[in-house]
C-alpha atoms as a PDB file:
ATOM      1  CA  MET A   1      82.868 -73.670 147.048  1.00  0.00           C
ATOM      2  CA  ILE A   2      82.557 -71.955 150.324  1.00  0.00           C
ATOM      3  CA  HIS A   3      81.463 -73.894 153.517  1.00  0.00           C
ATOM      4  CA  SER A   4      79.912 -71.767 156.325  1.00  0.00           C
ATOM      5  CA  VAL A   5      80.700 -73.344 159.744  1.00  0.00           C
ATOM      6  CA  PHE A   6      80.302 -72.389 163.516  1.00  0.00           C
ATOM      7  CA  PRO A   7      77.372 -70.013 162.983  1.00  0.00           C
ATOM      8  CA  ASN A   8      75.746 -67.945 165.709  1.00  0.00           C
ATOM      9  CA  LEU A   9      71.948 -68.721 165.774  1.00  0.00           C
ATOM     10  CA  ILE A  10      69.562 -65.927 166.469  1.00  0.00           C
ATOM     11  CA  HIS A  11      65.810 -66.746 166.872  1.00  0.00           C
ATOM     12  CA  SER A  12      62.870 -64.241 165.832  1.00  0.00           C
ATOM     13  CA  ILE A  13      59.486 -64.835 167.119  1.00  0.00           C
ATOM     14  CA  GLU A  14      56.242 -62.715 165.928  1.00  0.00           C
ATOM     15  CA  ILE A  15      53.459 -62.764 168.342  1.00  0.00           C
ATOM     16  CA  GLU A  16      50.233 -63.147 166.716  1.00  0.00           C
ATOM     17  CA  ASN A  17      47.595 -60.510 167.354  1.00  0.00           C
ATOM     18  CA  PHE A  18      49.995 -58.657 169.439  1.00  0.00           C
ATOM     19  CA  LYS A  19      47.796 -55.328 169.220  1.00  0.00           C
ATOM     20  CA  LYS A  20      45.178 -56.934 171.592  1.00  0.00           C
ATOM     21  CA  ILE A  21      47.484 -56.814 174.434  1.00  0.00           C
ATOM     22  CA  GLN A  22      49.904 -54.062 173.534  1.00  0.00           C
ATOM     23  CA  GLY A  23      47.975 -51.412 175.107  1.00  0.00           C
ATOM     24  CA  GLU A  24      47.911 -53.220 178.467  1.00  0.00           C
ATOM     25  CA  LEU A  25      51.649 -53.953 178.394  1.00  0.00           C
ATOM     26  CA  ILE A  26      52.337 -50.350 177.552  1.00  0.00           C
ATOM     27  CA  ASP A  27      50.420 -49.164 180.652  1.00  0.00           C
ATOM     28  CA  PHE A  28      51.898 -51.905 182.878  1.00  0.00           C
ATOM     29  CA  VAL A  29      55.652 -50.721 181.979  1.00  0.00           C
ATOM     30  CA  TYR A  30      54.769 -46.999 182.652  1.00  0.00           C
ATOM     31  CA  ASN A  31      53.206 -48.003 185.847  1.00  0.00           C
ATOM     32  CA  GLU A  32      56.300 -49.951 186.806  1.00  0.00           C
ATOM     33  CA  GLU A  33      58.283 -46.903 186.086  1.00  0.00           C
ATOM     34  CA  SER A  34      56.270 -44.583 188.199  1.00  0.00           C
ATOM     35  CA  GLU A  35      56.516 -47.040 191.227  1.00  0.00           C
ATOM     36  CA  ASN A  36      60.416 -46.984 190.786  1.00  0.00           C
ATOM     37  CA  PRO A  37      61.356 -43.867 188.657  1.00  0.00           C
ATOM     38  CA  ILE A  38      65.036 -43.949 189.496  1.00  0.00           C
ATOM     39  CA  GLY A  39      65.423 -47.602 188.043  1.00  0.00           C
ATOM     40  CA  GLN A  40      68.782 -49.242 187.610  1.00  0.00           C
ATOM     41  CA  LEU A  41      71.942 -48.454 185.594  1.00  0.00           C
ATOM     42  CA  PHE A  42      73.482 -51.296 183.725  1.00  0.00           C
ATOM     43  CA  SER A  43      74.259 -50.970 179.742  1.00  0.00           C
ATOM     44  CA  ASN A  44      71.603 -48.173 179.460  1.00  0.00           C
ATOM     45  CA  ARG A  45      72.554 -44.392 178.970  1.00  0.00           C
ATOM     46  CA  GLY A  46      69.635 -42.457 179.811  1.00  0.00           C
ATOM     47  CA  GLY A  47      66.256 -44.114 179.763  1.00  0.00           C
ATOM     48  CA  TRP A  48      64.780 -46.284 182.375  1.00  0.00           C
ATOM     49  CA  GLN A  49      65.660 -49.966 183.232  1.00  0.00           C
ATOM     50  CA  SER A  50      63.865 -51.832 186.014  1.00  0.00           C
ATOM     51  CA  ASN A  51      65.331 -54.410 188.354  1.00  0.00           C
ATOM     52  CA  PRO A  52      65.866 -57.905 186.649  1.00  0.00           C
ATOM     53  CA  PHE A  53      63.460 -59.893 188.893  1.00  0.00           C
ATOM     54  CA  TYR A  54      60.063 -59.677 186.839  1.00  0.00           C
ATOM     55  CA  ASP A  55      60.209 -63.420 186.006  1.00  0.00           C
ATOM     56  CA  LYS A  56      59.421 -64.116 189.719  1.00  0.00           C
ATOM     57  CA  ASN A  57      56.034 -62.194 189.069  1.00  0.00           C
ATOM     58  CA  ASP A  58      52.658 -63.290 187.768  1.00  0.00           C
ATOM     59  CA  ASN A  59      51.454 -60.602 185.184  1.00  0.00           C
ATOM     60  CA  LEU A  60      50.604 -60.236 181.532  1.00  0.00           C
ATOM     61  CA  LEU A  61      54.202 -59.653 180.422  1.00  0.00           C
ATOM     62  CA  VAL A  62      55.515 -62.845 182.180  1.00  0.00           C
ATOM     63  CA  SER A  63      52.595 -65.072 181.004  1.00  0.00           C
ATOM     64  CA  THR A  64      52.869 -63.842 177.310  1.00  0.00           C
ATOM     65  CA  LEU A  65      56.704 -64.228 177.195  1.00  0.00           C
ATOM     66  CA  THR A  66      56.695 -67.631 178.839  1.00  0.00           C
ATOM     67  CA  LYS A  67      53.746 -68.866 176.477  1.00  0.00           C
ATOM     68  CA  GLU A  68      55.584 -67.748 173.324  1.00  0.00           C
ATOM     69  CA  ILE A  69      59.155 -68.913 174.277  1.00  0.00           C
ATOM     70  CA  GLU A  70      57.863 -72.362 175.526  1.00  0.00           C
ATOM     71  CA  SER A  71      55.726 -72.814 172.445  1.00  0.00           C
ATOM     72  CA  TYR A  72      58.606 -71.877 170.177  1.00  0.00           C
ATOM     73  CA  PHE A  73      61.161 -74.253 171.676  1.00  0.00           C
ATOM     74  CA  SER A  74      58.584 -77.046 171.879  1.00  0.00           C
ATOM     75  CA  ASP A  75      56.676 -76.708 168.530  1.00  0.00           C
ATOM     76  CA  SER A  76      59.273 -75.296 166.072  1.00  0.00           C
ATOM     77  CA  ASN A  77      60.462 -78.920 165.031  1.00  0.00           C
ATOM     78  CA  ILE A  78      64.080 -77.613 165.032  1.00  0.00           C
ATOM     79  CA  PHE A  79      64.772 -78.739 168.537  1.00  0.00           C
ATOM     80  CA  LYS A  80      65.471 -81.898 170.604  1.00  0.00           C
ATOM     81  CA  GLN A  81      63.192 -82.578 173.517  1.00  0.00           C
ATOM     82  CA  ASN A  82      65.601 -83.448 176.185  1.00  0.00           C
ATOM     83  CA  PHE A  83      66.137 -79.915 177.674  1.00  0.00           C
ATOM     84  CA  LYS A  84      64.389 -77.204 179.609  1.00  0.00           C
ATOM     85  CA  ILE A  85      64.553 -73.519 179.462  1.00  0.00           C
ATOM     86  CA  SER A  86      64.385 -71.310 182.695  1.00  0.00           C
ATOM     87  CA  TYR A  87      64.558 -67.559 183.366  1.00  0.00           C
ATOM     88  CA  THR A  88      67.557 -66.162 185.329  1.00  0.00           C
ATOM     89  CA  GLY A  89      66.291 -62.463 184.915  1.00  0.00           C
ATOM     90  CA  LEU A  90      63.507 -60.386 183.366  1.00  0.00           C
ATOM     91  CA  TRP A  91      63.569 -56.489 183.192  1.00  0.00           C
ATOM     92  CA  LEU A  92      61.998 -53.614 181.703  1.00  0.00           C
ATOM     93  CA  ASN A  93      63.355 -50.657 179.496  1.00  0.00           C
ATOM     94  CA  ILE A  94      62.283 -47.472 178.248  1.00  0.00           C
ATOM     95  CA  ASN A  95      64.385 -45.552 175.851  1.00  0.00           C
ATOM     96  CA  LYS A  96      63.385 -41.847 175.247  1.00  0.00           C
ATOM     97  CA  SER A  97      64.741 -39.609 172.799  1.00  0.00           C
ATOM     98  CA  GLY A  98      68.535 -39.934 172.569  1.00  0.00           C
ATOM     99  CA  ASP A  99      68.778 -42.996 174.861  1.00  0.00           C
ATOM    100  CA  TYR A 100      70.841 -45.869 174.114  1.00  0.00           C
ATOM    101  CA  ASN A 101      72.517 -49.028 175.432  1.00  0.00           C
ATOM    102  CA  VAL A 102      76.471 -49.356 175.227  1.00  0.00           C
ATOM    103  CA  TRP A 103      78.242 -52.598 174.054  1.00  0.00           C
ATOM    104  CA  HIS A 104      77.770 -55.435 176.459  1.00  0.00           C
ATOM    105  CA  CYS A 105      76.960 -59.089 176.955  1.00  0.00           C
ATOM    106  CA  HIS A 106      75.129 -61.106 179.412  1.00  0.00           C
ATOM    107  CA  PRO A 107      77.239 -63.320 181.464  1.00  0.00           C
ATOM    108  CA  ASN A 108      76.110 -66.310 183.764  1.00  0.00           C
ATOM    109  CA  CYS A 109      73.478 -67.489 181.232  1.00  0.00           C
ATOM    110  CA  ASP A 110      73.117 -69.186 178.077  1.00  0.00           C
ATOM    111  CA  LEU A 111      70.338 -67.285 175.949  1.00  0.00           C
ATOM    112  CA  SER A 112      69.309 -63.674 176.229  1.00  0.00           C
ATOM    113  CA  GLY A 113      66.405 -61.834 174.474  1.00  0.00           C
ATOM    114  CA  VAL A 114      64.542 -58.707 173.943  1.00  0.00           C
ATOM    115  CA  PHE A 115      60.604 -58.258 173.445  1.00  0.00           C
ATOM    116  CA  TRP A 116      59.782 -55.170 171.789  1.00  0.00           C
ATOM    117  CA  ILE A 117      56.356 -53.848 173.306  1.00  0.00           C
ATOM    118  CA  GLU A 118      56.288 -50.340 171.623  1.00  0.00           C
ATOM    119  CA  VAL A 119      58.435 -48.937 168.899  1.00  0.00           C
ATOM    120  CA  PRO A 120      58.386 -45.368 167.390  1.00  0.00           C
ATOM    121  CA  SER A 121      56.407 -45.741 164.085  1.00  0.00           C
ATOM    122  CA  GLU A 122      58.153 -43.124 162.331  1.00  0.00           C
ATOM    123  CA  GLY A 123      61.907 -42.392 162.263  1.00  0.00           C
ATOM    124  CA  ASP A 124      64.721 -44.335 163.876  1.00  0.00           C
ATOM    125  CA  GLY A 125      63.749 -45.731 167.291  1.00  0.00           C
ATOM    126  CA  GLY A 126      67.167 -47.499 167.733  1.00  0.00           C
ATOM    127  CA  ASN A 127      68.415 -50.809 166.107  1.00  0.00           C
ATOM    128  CA  ILE A 128      69.863 -53.763 168.167  1.00  0.00           C
ATOM    129  CA  ASN A 129      73.511 -54.269 166.797  1.00  0.00           C
ATOM    130  CA  PHE A 130      75.420 -57.385 167.385  1.00  0.00           C
ATOM    131  CA  VAL A 131      79.349 -57.654 166.686  1.00  0.00           C
ATOM    132  CA  SER A 132      80.949 -60.933 165.449  1.00  0.00           C
ATOM    133  CA  PRO A 133      82.704 -62.922 168.283  1.00  0.00           C
ATOM    134  CA  ASN A 134      85.317 -63.221 165.602  1.00  0.00           C
ATOM    135  CA  GLN A 135      85.770 -59.543 164.990  1.00  0.00           C
ATOM    136  CA  PHE A 136      89.646 -59.543 166.250  1.00  0.00           C
ATOM    137  CA  VAL A 137      90.840 -62.792 164.945  1.00  0.00           C
ATOM    138  CA  GLU A 138      89.288 -62.465 161.441  1.00  0.00           C
ATOM    139  CA  HIS A 139      89.595 -58.705 161.197  1.00  0.00           C
ATOM    140  CA  LYS A 140      91.497 -58.857 157.911  1.00  0.00           C
ATOM    141  CA  SER A 141      89.201 -61.691 156.460  1.00  0.00           C
ATOM    142  CA  PHE A 142      86.237 -59.391 156.856  1.00  0.00           C
ATOM    143  CA  LYS A 143      87.751 -56.957 154.357  1.00  0.00           C
ATOM    144  CA  ILE A 144      88.562 -59.333 151.431  1.00  0.00           C
ATOM    145  CA  TYR A 145      85.095 -60.847 150.545  1.00  0.00           C
ATOM    146  CA  ASN A 146      82.731 -58.834 148.199  1.00  0.00           C
ATOM    147  CA  SER A 147      79.234 -57.898 149.122  1.00  0.00           C
ATOM    148  CA  LYS A 148      77.691 -60.899 147.418  1.00  0.00           C
ATOM    149  CA  VAL A 149      79.388 -63.417 149.403  1.00  0.00           C
ATOM    150  CA  MET A 150      79.032 -61.557 152.747  1.00  0.00           C
ATOM    151  CA  GLU A 151      75.363 -61.088 152.310  1.00  0.00           C
ATOM    152  CA  HIS A 152      74.894 -64.760 151.208  1.00  0.00           C
ATOM    153  CA  LEU A 153      76.871 -66.207 154.343  1.00  0.00           C
ATOM    154  CA  ASN A 154      75.841 -63.424 156.700  1.00  0.00           C
ATOM    155  CA  TYR A 155      79.536 -62.959 157.223  1.00  0.00           C
ATOM    156  CA  PHE A 156      79.862 -59.448 158.847  1.00  0.00           C
ATOM    157  CA  GLU A 157      81.731 -57.697 161.456  1.00  0.00           C
ATOM    158  CA  GLU A 158      78.435 -56.355 162.677  1.00  0.00           C
ATOM    159  CA  TYR A 159      74.986 -57.061 162.016  1.00  0.00           C
ATOM    160  CA  TYR A 160      71.647 -55.431 163.034  1.00  0.00           C
ATOM    161  CA  PHE A 161      67.913 -56.120 163.756  1.00  0.00           C
ATOM    162  CA  VAL A 162      65.183 -53.339 163.296  1.00  0.00           C
ATOM    163  CA  PRO A 163      62.784 -53.666 166.153  1.00  0.00           C
ATOM    164  CA  SER A 164      59.158 -53.903 165.759  1.00  0.00           C
ATOM    165  CA  PRO A 165      56.215 -54.254 168.199  1.00  0.00           C
ATOM    166  CA  GLY A 166      55.394 -57.871 169.131  1.00  0.00           C
ATOM    167  CA  LYS A 167      58.759 -59.419 168.263  1.00  0.00           C
ATOM    168  CA  ILE A 168      60.960 -61.374 170.426  1.00  0.00           C
ATOM    169  CA  LEU A 169      64.625 -61.888 169.566  1.00  0.00           C
ATOM    170  CA  ILE A 170      66.535 -64.559 171.342  1.00  0.00           C
ATOM    171  CA  PHE A 171      70.363 -64.781 170.896  1.00  0.00           C
ATOM    172  CA  PRO A 172      73.395 -66.532 172.443  1.00  0.00           C
ATOM    173  CA  SER A 173      74.272 -64.460 175.743  1.00  0.00           C
ATOM    174  CA  HIS A 174      77.912 -64.357 174.805  1.00  0.00           C
ATOM    175  CA  LEU A 175      77.151 -62.097 171.662  1.00  0.00           C
ATOM    176  CA  SER A 176      78.302 -58.548 172.306  1.00  0.00           C
ATOM    177  CA  HIS A 177      75.537 -55.992 171.164  1.00  0.00           C
ATOM    178  CA  GLU A 178      74.432 -52.513 171.686  1.00  0.00           C
ATOM    179  CA  VAL A 179      71.256 -50.640 171.217  1.00  0.00           C
ATOM    180  CA  LEU A 180      71.533 -47.421 169.036  1.00  0.00           C
ATOM    181  CA  PRO A 181      70.311 -44.179 169.980  1.00  0.00           C
ATOM    182  CA  ASN A 182      66.531 -43.375 169.714  1.00  0.00           C
ATOM    183  CA  GLN A 183      66.402 -40.461 167.284  1.00  0.00           C
ATOM    184  CA  THR A 184      62.718 -39.935 167.703  1.00  0.00           C
ATOM    185  CA  ARG A 185      60.657 -37.982 170.171  1.00  0.00           C
ATOM    186  CA  ASN A 186      58.677 -41.174 171.073  1.00  0.00           C
ATOM    187  CA  ASP A 187      59.529 -43.756 173.621  1.00  0.00           C
ATOM    188  CA  ARG A 188      60.695 -47.171 172.771  1.00  0.00           C
ATOM    189  CA  ILE A 189      59.639 -49.836 175.198  1.00  0.00           C
ATOM    190  CA  SER A 190      60.944 -53.279 175.688  1.00  0.00           C
ATOM    191  CA  ALA A 191      61.405 -56.327 177.966  1.00  0.00           C
ATOM    192  CA  SER A 192      64.806 -58.024 178.236  1.00  0.00           C
ATOM    193  CA  PHE A 193      65.499 -61.459 179.769  1.00  0.00           C
ATOM    194  CA  ASN A 194      68.053 -64.228 180.280  1.00  0.00           C
ATOM    195  CA  LEU A 195      67.699 -67.746 179.924  1.00  0.00           C
ATOM    196  CA  ASN A 196      69.388 -71.020 181.090  1.00  0.00           C
ATOM    197  CA  ILE A 197      69.323 -74.322 179.387  1.00  0.00           C
ATOM    198  CA  SER A 198      69.194 -77.455 181.440  1.00  0.00           C
ATOM    199  CA  MET A 199      69.528 -80.838 179.849  1.00  0.00           C
ATOM    200  CA  THR A 200      67.011 -83.563 181.177  1.00  0.00           C
END
């Protein structure tokens, strides 16, 4: 028997009826890009990334994200109730053809996430790829298990998620991750954020 211990938990949230607000969110992001076309350079290689202070604003993006995140953590019946979640940053991303994000993690916070607003409907818009925090110490162990065991336990050196519009992914901030190149001619638009957990 194999016991899987010390897993890393990644949360996936699907926004219902997302298409009703998708167009307005897309317009919002492009408007913000036009107001600040230079943007920021962090993990992005190419593309556009905004400043990380959108959590201080009052707009459809913030209200949508906040509602979905708060609802998930309060109504999913998998969490205790003696904690609060708060933003420590929220920013916008536009990855055009060939743009990508290099390996990085998010220090000084507890959880991080991405909210996909627009994803190319055809072709490869760029998956988000995570690397195991045990990649170095278990390098040889990853090589000895067959695919059935590895798939059953999600015991991989790397693991990716395919983006889709209206999906929110929340993960431990220490997990190193990259965004693979957008191999289409259409833009991929997302919002990323950091969260802190405080105990009450």
